[in-house]
């Protein structure tokens, strides 16, 4: 099992709202990782995954 983080810093950028939910990008500032999300629920799952497993999801390649 992965270790659980005590705290983390996320930067959320909401690009638009469609179908009564947010779409945008989340950046895990502590690890400099970013991922797009298509709903508020997906964003929360990405945050939870980052805190419980240390993974933000299928991350975009760093440029």
C-alpha atoms as a PDB file:
ATOM      1  CA  UNK A   1       0.000   0.000   0.000  1.00  0.00           C
ATOM      2  CA  UNK A   2       1.045   3.576  -0.586  1.00  0.00           C
ATOM      3  CA  UNK A   3       1.602   6.028   2.172  1.00  0.00           C
ATOM      4  CA  UNK A   4      -1.018   8.585   3.100  1.00  0.00           C
ATOM      5  CA  UNK A   5      -0.097  12.254   2.966  1.00  0.00           C
ATOM      6  CA  UNK A   6      -0.945  14.462   5.917  1.00  0.00           C
ATOM      7  CA  UNK A   7      -1.548  17.475   3.700  1.00  0.00           C
ATOM      8  CA  UNK A   8      -1.111  18.674   0.141  1.00  0.00           C
ATOM      9  CA  UNK A   9      -1.476  21.837  -1.898  1.00  0.00           C
ATOM     10  CA  UNK A  10      -3.604  21.784  -5.035  1.00  0.00           C
ATOM     11  CA  UNK A  11      -4.126  24.613  -7.519  1.00  0.00           C
ATOM     12  CA  UNK A  12      -7.478  24.293  -9.277  1.00  0.00           C
ATOM     13  CA  UNK A  13      -8.141  26.150 -12.501  1.00  0.00           C
ATOM     14  CA  UNK A  14     -11.760  25.978 -13.629  1.00  0.00           C
ATOM     15  CA  UNK A  15     -11.858  26.607 -17.384  1.00  0.00           C
ATOM     16  CA  UNK A  16     -15.595  26.292 -17.955  1.00  0.00           C
ATOM     17  CA  UNK A  17     -18.829  24.932 -16.598  1.00  0.00           C
ATOM     18  CA  UNK A  18     -20.884  22.491 -18.674  1.00  0.00           C
ATOM     19  CA  UNK A  19     -23.678  20.122 -17.695  1.00  0.00           C
ATOM     20  CA  UNK A  20     -23.857  21.746 -14.245  1.00  0.00           C
ATOM     21  CA  UNK A  21     -20.282  20.791 -13.314  1.00  0.00           C
ATOM     22  CA  UNK A  22     -16.756  22.179 -13.609  1.00  0.00           C
ATOM     23  CA  UNK A  23     -14.094  21.327 -16.176  1.00  0.00           C
ATOM     24  CA  UNK A  24     -10.526  22.430 -15.802  1.00  0.00           C
ATOM     25  CA  UNK A  25      -7.080  21.512 -14.568  1.00  0.00           C
ATOM     26  CA  UNK A  26      -5.680  20.579 -11.176  1.00  0.00           C
ATOM     27  CA  UNK A  27      -2.025  21.010 -10.243  1.00  0.00           C
ATOM     28  CA  UNK A  28      -0.558  19.127  -7.300  1.00  0.00           C
ATOM     29  CA  UNK A  29       1.859  21.873  -6.278  1.00  0.00           C
ATOM     30  CA  UNK A  30       3.948  19.734  -3.894  1.00  0.00           C
ATOM     31  CA  UNK A  31       4.833  17.289  -6.690  1.00  0.00           C
ATOM     32  CA  UNK A  32       4.522  19.667  -9.699  1.00  0.00           C
ATOM     33  CA  UNK A  33       2.054  17.312 -11.421  1.00  0.00           C
ATOM     34  CA  UNK A  34      -1.014  18.345 -13.371  1.00  0.00           C
ATOM     35  CA  UNK A  35      -4.129  16.680 -14.713  1.00  0.00           C
ATOM     36  CA  UNK A  36      -7.289  17.806 -16.491  1.00  0.00           C
ATOM     37  CA  UNK A  37     -10.665  16.943 -14.991  1.00  0.00           C
ATOM     38  CA  UNK A  38     -14.132  16.804 -16.570  1.00  0.00           C
ATOM     39  CA  UNK A  39     -16.285  17.036 -13.446  1.00  0.00           C
ATOM     40  CA  UNK A  40     -16.158  18.099  -9.834  1.00  0.00           C
ATOM     41  CA  UNK A  41     -16.401  14.457  -8.778  1.00  0.00           C
ATOM     42  CA  UNK A  42     -13.426  13.533 -10.976  1.00  0.00           C
ATOM     43  CA  UNK A  43     -11.428  16.419  -9.473  1.00  0.00           C
ATOM     44  CA  UNK A  44     -12.184  15.192  -5.946  1.00  0.00           C
ATOM     45  CA  UNK A  45     -11.199  11.637  -6.894  1.00  0.00           C
ATOM     46  CA  UNK A  46      -7.889  12.913  -8.291  1.00  0.00           C
ATOM     47  CA  UNK A  47      -7.199  14.765  -5.042  1.00  0.00           C
ATOM     48  CA  UNK A  48      -8.119  11.719  -2.964  1.00  0.00           C
ATOM     49  CA  UNK A  49      -5.905   9.489  -5.088  1.00  0.00           C
ATOM     50  CA  UNK A  50      -2.978  11.883  -4.719  1.00  0.00           C
ATOM     51  CA  UNK A  51      -3.343  11.876  -0.935  1.00  0.00           C
ATOM     52  CA  UNK A  52      -3.898   8.141  -0.473  1.00  0.00           C
ATOM     53  CA  UNK A  53      -1.701   6.555  -3.166  1.00  0.00           C
ATOM     54  CA  UNK A  54       0.646   9.370  -4.149  1.00  0.00           C
ATOM     55  CA  UNK A  55      -0.642   9.320  -7.741  1.00  0.00           C
ATOM     56  CA  UNK A  56      -2.597  12.102  -9.403  1.00  0.00           C
ATOM     57  CA  UNK A  57      -3.833   9.918 -12.240  1.00  0.00           C
ATOM     58  CA  UNK A  58      -2.700   9.772 -15.852  1.00  0.00           C
ATOM     59  CA  UNK A  59      -0.565  12.862 -15.699  1.00  0.00           C
ATOM     60  CA  UNK A  60       0.339  15.023 -18.632  1.00  0.00           C
ATOM     61  CA  UNK A  61       3.989  14.992 -19.668  1.00  0.00           C
ATOM     62  CA  UNK A  62       5.986  17.879 -18.227  1.00  0.00           C
ATOM     63  CA  UNK A  63       7.209  20.410 -20.774  1.00  0.00           C
END
